[in-house]
Structures are given as C-alpha cells and as structure tokens.
Amino acid sequence: MKKDTAIKLFEENKVRSLWDDEAEKWYFSIVDVVAILTESLTPNNYWKVLKSRLKKEGSELVTNCNQLKMQSSDGKFYKTDVADTEQLFRLIQSIPSPKAEPFKVWIAKVARERIDEIEDPEIGIDRLMETYLRKGYSKEWINQRLKSIEVRKELTDEWDERGIKKGQEYAVLTDEITKAWSGFSVKDYKKHKDLKKENLQDHMTNLELVLNMLAEATTSEISKEKKPKTFAESKIIANQGGTIAGNTRKEIEEKTGKKVVSEISAKNLLSNKNKQLKSMDKN
C-alpha cells in the first residue's frame, strides 16, 4: 500500500498523518489528537482507557480502528492506532475537552446547514457559489462548474432509475466514462494533476469541464433511449458516452496541437492569478 507521509498542524502541535493512495484517505494518529485535546501528559494511557470504554459501548470507532506504522520521536516506526477523517470527528465528540468544543459546534453547524439545503436546495447552490468565490475562482468558471453539477445530477438520477447502486457501481461507471473521454482513469487523472482527496472537477480547466459534461450528458441520453436492464449494459453505455466526448477531445488536440487533459489544476490557476495580481499591484 503506497502512502505519502505528511504532518498536519493542529494549532501549534503536530499530528502525524499518512495518505493511503489506494483508499484515497488521510489517516491521523489518534494518540496525537488525544494529546492535543486533553493536554494529558500520558495520552497513550488516556486513549487506552477511552478505547476500552468505547469498546464496551460498541462504538464503530474502535471496531473499525486501523493500525499503521508511524515514526515516533525516537526516529523509529511503530504500529499506531489511526483514524480517518470521519472517525476523527467521532473521536472528538467522545472527548470532554474545551479544545474539542469548537469542533463539536462546527459539526452541529454543518449538520444544520445540510438539513437547510435538503429543505431548500437553492440555499446549497448559494453556499456553493460563495465557497468557490472565496477560493478565488472566476464567476465564469463557477457557472460552468454549477452546470456540470446539474448534468451530473441528471446522470445519477438516470442511474437510479436503472437500478445502479450508489458507491462502488457509481464509481465504476464514472471511471468508465472518464477513461473513455480523457484517456485516464479517475485515479490516474488525479495523479496527473497532483491531487489527493480533492474533487477532480474542482481542478479541471473550462475545456476539461465542458468535455466531462458532454461525456456525462451523452451517457445519460443514450441510457434514457436504450433503457439498460443490467449493470453490464450500463457500463457499455458509459463507455459509449465517454467515447463520443473522447473523439471530440482528439479533434480539438489535432486542431490545436495541444493536450486537452492538463496538469494544470485549480491550485496552479489560482496561484498564477494571485502572482499576476501582485505583479500588477507593484507596477
């Protein structure tokens, strides 16, 4: 299992973390988080007692707890209890600490916002627009991205109609579409753009977004006409929809002499934009 190592900062403290390339998840050292939240001089003992209590309560946090080798202060690597992001939030909720309160308040706020968005979908769209603007995206790109979300929703509605299961089957069909139009699997596409957990579409150029929309919209239309009865039939249709967009990509590349699928991600685009603005300010 290939992993990239990273150090995550929590205030001024270090939390050891590992990126699992296969699962596409960050894993964090539980003991490090416990030490920060409790300020205990013996975080290992605190976690041992808490772990025992959670186990008796039948907590999924303990049941699904993983162990990975992480570097200790002595420079050696030892098996360490780790948690992914979701498990980390559950852990935080289990610890009575003033430092945990901001997280608990934030979790409650997010939950409230999600309920509001279910009751009124326009609220979700407005919040999404605000989030992208805060990140520095242009309004033109944001409008394109919002349209791509609408196209994706239409496709997943069609998959639901055909009995496609959320999760693994969605992922397989999405991969089929992406490979057919871009030449990359979703995982390889993200590697190409040096992404990890980030959303791939959030880091596409305008042209990439347009072709991805074309692939998904075409897949949706073919599926509506052919009404596939099995997952295998839907997979063939996903390939067909992606291939149509893939042929368009090849024609564009032939005419322009440039690759459509770019290593450029939103991080690069926003970084370059900020550099240009700073340069203009100096002049």
Protein backbone atom coordinates (compact mmCIF):
# COMPACT_ATOMS: atom_id res chain seq x y z
CA MET A 1 0.00 0.00 0.00
CA LYS A 2 1.60 3.20 -1.22
CA LYS A 3 1.43 6.10 1.20
CA ASP A 4 2.68 9.66 1.28
CA THR A 5 3.68 10.98 4.66
CA ALA A 6 2.56 14.40 5.88
CA ILE A 7 2.45 16.36 9.11
CA LYS A 8 -0.83 18.10 9.93
CA LEU A 9 -0.73 21.05 12.28
CA PHE A 10 -3.40 21.48 14.94
CA GLU A 11 -2.80 24.92 16.39
CA GLU A 12 0.94 24.70 17.18
CA ASN A 13 1.00 20.94 17.68
CA LYS A 14 1.94 18.24 15.21
CA VAL A 15 -0.41 15.41 14.27
CA ARG A 16 1.23 12.56 12.41
CA SER A 17 -0.70 11.56 9.31
CA LEU A 18 -0.43 9.22 6.33
CA TRP A 19 -2.08 9.37 2.92
CA ASP A 20 -3.36 5.99 1.74
CA ASP A 21 -3.17 6.14 -2.05
CA GLU A 22 -5.32 3.04 -2.51
CA ALA A 23 -8.18 4.05 -0.19
CA GLU A 24 -7.68 7.75 -1.07
CA LYS A 25 -7.88 8.71 2.60
CA TRP A 26 -5.83 10.56 5.18
CA TYR A 27 -5.19 8.65 8.42
CA PHE A 28 -4.27 10.52 11.59
CA SER A 29 -2.53 9.36 14.76
CA ILE A 30 -5.22 9.05 17.44
CA VAL A 31 -2.73 9.46 20.29
CA ASP A 32 -1.50 12.77 18.83
CA VAL A 33 -5.07 14.11 18.61
CA VAL A 34 -5.84 12.89 22.15
CA ALA A 35 -2.70 14.61 23.45
CA ILE A 36 -3.79 17.93 21.94
CA LEU A 37 -7.43 17.81 23.03
CA THR A 38 -6.81 16.54 26.57
CA GLU A 39 -3.37 18.08 27.23
CA SER A 40 -2.69 14.82 29.07
CA LEU A 41 0.93 14.02 29.97
CA THR A 42 0.12 10.35 29.27
CA PRO A 43 -2.03 10.41 26.11
CA ASN A 44 -1.36 6.70 25.48
CA ASN A 45 -2.98 5.80 28.82
CA TYR A 46 -5.87 8.21 28.21
CA TRP A 47 -6.54 6.61 24.83
CA LYS A 48 -6.25 3.10 26.31
CA VAL A 49 -8.96 3.87 28.91
CA LEU A 50 -11.18 5.69 26.38
CA LYS A 51 -10.73 2.88 23.87
CA SER A 52 -11.84 0.32 26.48
CA ARG A 53 -14.94 2.37 27.31
CA LEU A 54 -15.87 2.86 23.65
CA LYS A 55 -15.39 -0.84 23.01
CA LYS A 56 -17.89 -1.70 25.78
CA GLU A 57 -20.33 0.77 24.23
CA GLY A 58 -19.95 -0.99 20.88
CA SER A 59 -18.52 2.11 19.19
CA GLU A 60 -17.70 1.71 15.48
CA LEU A 61 -14.68 3.94 16.05
CA VAL A 62 -12.94 1.15 17.97
CA THR A 63 -14.36 -1.69 15.85
CA ASN A 64 -13.03 -0.16 12.62
CA CYS A 65 -9.83 1.29 14.11
CA ASN A 66 -6.78 0.70 11.92
CA GLN A 67 -3.10 0.50 12.82
CA LEU A 68 -0.33 1.87 10.65
CA LYS A 69 3.39 2.24 11.19
CA MET A 70 4.28 5.82 12.08
CA GLN A 71 7.54 7.43 13.03
CA SER A 72 7.96 8.12 16.75
CA SER A 73 10.06 10.77 18.47
CA ASP A 74 12.96 8.29 18.66
CA GLY A 75 13.02 8.10 14.87
CA LYS A 76 11.75 4.52 14.76
CA PHE A 77 8.47 3.32 13.26
CA TYR A 78 5.84 1.67 15.46
CA LYS A 79 2.30 0.43 14.86
CA THR A 80 -0.03 3.26 15.83
CA ASP A 81 -3.81 3.48 16.13
CA VAL A 82 -5.09 5.77 13.39
CA ALA A 83 -8.43 7.26 12.34
CA ASP A 84 -9.72 8.62 9.05
CA THR A 85 -11.50 11.99 8.93
CA GLU A 86 -14.96 10.62 9.78
CA GLN A 87 -13.58 8.54 12.66
CA LEU A 88 -11.64 11.56 13.88
CA PHE A 89 -14.85 13.57 14.26
CA ARG A 90 -16.39 10.70 16.25
CA LEU A 91 -13.33 10.65 18.48
CA ILE A 92 -13.56 14.40 19.08
CA GLN A 93 -17.20 14.03 20.09
CA SER A 94 -16.18 11.39 22.67
CA ILE A 95 -13.67 13.60 24.46
CA PRO A 96 -14.88 16.09 27.10
CA SER A 97 -12.45 18.90 26.40
CA PRO A 98 -12.73 22.68 25.89
CA LYS A 99 -10.49 22.28 22.84
CA ALA A 100 -12.98 19.82 21.34
CA GLU A 101 -15.90 22.25 21.70
CA PRO A 102 -15.15 24.34 18.57
CA PHE A 103 -15.17 21.13 16.52
CA LYS A 104 -18.46 19.99 18.07
CA VAL A 105 -20.04 23.37 17.36
CA TRP A 106 -18.74 23.24 13.78
CA ILE A 107 -20.11 19.69 13.25
CA ALA A 108 -23.52 20.80 14.55
CA LYS A 109 -23.44 23.86 12.26
CA VAL A 110 -22.61 21.73 9.19
CA ALA A 111 -25.41 19.30 10.09
CA ARG A 112 -27.88 22.20 10.39
CA GLU A 113 -26.76 23.59 7.02
CA ARG A 114 -27.23 20.20 5.33
CA ILE A 115 -30.79 19.96 6.69
CA ASP A 116 -31.50 23.51 5.43
CA GLU A 117 -30.18 22.57 1.98
CA ILE A 118 -32.42 19.49 1.82
CA GLU A 119 -35.45 21.66 2.66
CA ASP A 120 -34.41 24.38 0.18
CA PRO A 121 -31.85 23.28 -2.50
CA GLU A 122 -31.28 26.92 -3.59
CA ILE A 123 -29.55 27.56 -0.24
CA GLY A 124 -27.00 24.87 -1.14
CA ILE A 125 -26.36 26.44 -4.55
CA ASP A 126 -25.85 29.90 -3.00
CA ARG A 127 -23.44 28.49 -0.39
CA LEU A 128 -21.52 26.63 -3.07
CA MET A 129 -21.20 29.81 -5.14
CA GLU A 130 -19.89 31.70 -2.09
CA THR A 131 -17.39 28.93 -1.31
CA TYR A 132 -15.94 28.98 -4.84
CA LEU A 133 -15.75 32.79 -4.84
CA ARG A 134 -13.87 32.73 -1.51
CA LYS A 135 -11.40 30.28 -3.02
CA GLY A 136 -10.68 32.73 -5.82
CA TYR A 137 -12.43 31.08 -8.78
CA SER A 138 -13.78 33.30 -11.56
CA LYS A 139 -17.55 33.69 -11.95
CA GLU A 140 -17.31 32.23 -15.46
CA TRP A 141 -15.64 29.06 -14.15
CA ILE A 142 -18.13 28.82 -11.27
CA ASN A 143 -21.10 29.00 -13.65
CA GLN A 144 -19.53 26.21 -15.70
CA ARG A 145 -18.96 24.13 -12.58
CA LEU A 146 -22.53 24.60 -11.36
CA LYS A 147 -23.77 23.48 -14.78
CA SER A 148 -21.57 20.38 -14.54
CA ILE A 149 -23.18 19.55 -11.18
CA GLU A 150 -26.62 19.80 -12.80
CA VAL A 151 -25.53 17.46 -15.63
CA ARG A 152 -24.07 15.00 -13.12
CA LYS A 153 -27.33 15.01 -11.12
CA GLU A 154 -29.30 14.20 -14.26
CA LEU A 155 -26.97 11.27 -14.94
CA THR A 156 -27.17 9.86 -11.41
CA ASP A 157 -30.97 10.20 -11.50
CA GLU A 158 -30.93 8.09 -14.65
CA TRP A 159 -28.63 5.53 -12.99
CA ASP A 160 -31.02 5.35 -10.04
CA GLU A 161 -33.84 4.69 -12.49
CA ARG A 162 -31.84 1.78 -13.94
CA GLY A 163 -31.12 0.28 -10.52
CA ILE A 164 -27.45 1.26 -10.35
CA LYS A 165 -26.21 1.20 -6.76
CA LYS A 166 -24.61 4.25 -5.18
CA GLY A 167 -20.98 3.82 -4.16
CA GLN A 168 -18.97 1.18 -5.97
CA GLU A 169 -21.20 0.85 -9.06
CA TYR A 170 -21.39 4.64 -9.46
CA ALA A 171 -17.59 4.77 -9.18
CA VAL A 172 -17.06 2.04 -11.81
CA LEU A 173 -19.36 3.75 -14.34
CA THR A 174 -17.79 7.16 -13.65
CA ASP A 175 -14.36 5.62 -14.22
CA GLU A 176 -15.57 4.11 -17.50
CA ILE A 177 -16.83 7.48 -18.74
CA THR A 178 -13.67 9.30 -17.63
CA LYS A 179 -11.30 6.78 -19.24
CA ALA A 180 -13.25 6.86 -22.50
CA TRP A 181 -13.16 10.64 -22.90
CA SER A 182 -9.87 11.61 -21.23
CA GLY A 183 -7.69 8.50 -21.60
CA PHE A 184 -7.18 8.48 -17.80
CA SER A 185 -8.90 6.58 -15.02
CA VAL A 186 -10.19 8.89 -12.27
CA LYS A 187 -7.29 7.88 -10.01
CA ASP A 188 -4.67 8.47 -12.74
CA TYR A 189 -6.32 11.74 -13.73
CA LYS A 190 -5.99 12.97 -10.13
CA LYS A 191 -2.34 11.87 -10.05
CA HIS A 192 -1.78 13.74 -13.31
CA LYS A 193 -2.98 16.91 -11.58
CA ASP A 194 -1.14 16.12 -8.33
CA LEU A 195 -4.38 15.80 -6.38
CA LYS A 196 -5.26 13.54 -3.47
CA LYS A 197 -8.60 13.90 -1.67
CA GLU A 198 -9.65 16.96 -3.67
CA ASN A 199 -12.60 16.82 -6.05
CA LEU A 200 -11.31 16.26 -9.59
CA GLN A 201 -13.89 18.52 -11.28
CA ASP A 202 -12.92 21.39 -8.96
CA HIS A 203 -9.48 21.29 -10.58
CA MET A 204 -10.47 21.00 -14.23
CA THR A 205 -9.95 23.74 -16.78
CA ASN A 206 -13.02 25.12 -18.59
CA LEU A 207 -12.40 22.86 -21.58
CA GLU A 208 -11.98 19.77 -19.41
CA LEU A 209 -15.23 20.59 -17.63
CA VAL A 210 -17.06 21.01 -20.94
CA LEU A 211 -15.85 17.64 -22.26
CA ASN A 212 -16.65 15.91 -18.98
CA MET A 213 -20.17 17.38 -19.15
CA LEU A 214 -20.52 16.25 -22.77
CA ALA A 215 -19.49 12.71 -21.79
CA GLU A 216 -21.93 12.55 -18.86
CA ALA A 217 -24.82 14.22 -20.72
CA THR A 218 -24.36 11.88 -23.71
CA THR A 219 -24.24 8.84 -21.43
CA SER A 220 -27.46 9.99 -19.80
CA GLU A 221 -29.26 10.46 -23.13
CA ILE A 222 -28.14 7.07 -24.52
CA SER A 223 -29.24 5.39 -21.30
CA LYS A 224 -32.69 7.02 -21.48
CA GLU A 225 -33.15 5.74 -25.03
CA LYS A 226 -31.74 2.22 -24.58
CA LYS A 227 -33.09 1.64 -21.04
CA PRO A 228 -30.40 -0.84 -19.92
CA LYS A 229 -31.59 -3.60 -17.61
CA THR A 230 -28.23 -4.71 -16.18
CA PHE A 231 -25.10 -3.10 -14.76
CA ALA A 232 -23.06 -4.61 -17.64
CA GLU A 233 -25.32 -2.88 -20.18
CA SER A 234 -24.97 0.44 -18.32
CA LYS A 235 -21.19 0.03 -18.38
CA ILE A 236 -21.24 -0.35 -22.18
CA ILE A 237 -23.37 2.81 -22.44
CA ALA A 238 -20.97 4.70 -20.12
CA ASN A 239 -18.14 3.79 -22.47
CA GLN A 240 -20.16 4.92 -25.49
CA GLY A 241 -20.99 8.29 -23.94
CA GLY A 242 -17.39 8.85 -22.90
CA THR A 243 -16.06 7.80 -26.31
CA ILE A 244 -18.15 10.44 -28.11
CA ALA A 245 -16.60 13.14 -25.91
CA GLY A 246 -13.20 11.43 -26.32
CA ASN A 247 -13.44 11.75 -30.11
CA THR A 248 -14.20 15.46 -29.69
CA ARG A 249 -11.13 15.79 -27.43
CA LYS A 250 -8.93 14.15 -30.09
CA GLU A 251 -10.25 16.51 -32.78
CA ILE A 252 -9.52 19.53 -30.59
CA GLU A 253 -5.99 18.27 -29.89
CA GLU A 254 -5.43 17.66 -33.59
CA LYS A 255 -6.51 21.20 -34.50
CA THR A 256 -4.72 22.99 -31.64
CA GLY A 257 -1.66 20.78 -31.32
CA LYS A 258 -2.13 20.85 -27.52
CA LYS A 259 -3.25 18.26 -24.99
CA VAL A 260 -6.68 18.93 -23.51
CA VAL A 261 -6.14 16.96 -20.32
CA SER A 262 -3.84 19.32 -18.50
CA GLU A 263 -1.57 19.00 -15.49
CA ILE A 264 -2.88 22.43 -14.55
CA SER A 265 -5.16 22.29 -11.53
CA ALA A 266 -7.15 24.99 -9.80
CA LYS A 267 -4.26 25.31 -7.33
CA ASN A 268 -1.95 26.30 -10.20
CA LEU A 269 -4.51 28.57 -11.82
CA LEU A 270 -5.29 30.43 -8.60
CA SER A 271 -1.59 30.65 -7.71
CA ASN A 272 -0.77 32.16 -11.11
CA LYS A 273 -3.73 34.54 -10.82
CA ASN A 274 -2.54 35.77 -7.41
CA LYS A 275 1.00 36.25 -8.76
CA GLN A 276 -0.36 38.33 -11.64
CA LEU A 277 -2.42 40.48 -9.25
CA LYS A 278 0.60 41.06 -7.00
CA SER A 279 2.69 41.98 -10.07
CA MET A 280 0.02 44.49 -11.15
CA ASP A 281 -0.08 45.99 -7.66
CA LYS A 282 3.71 46.51 -7.71
CA ASN A 283 3.52 48.24 -11.09
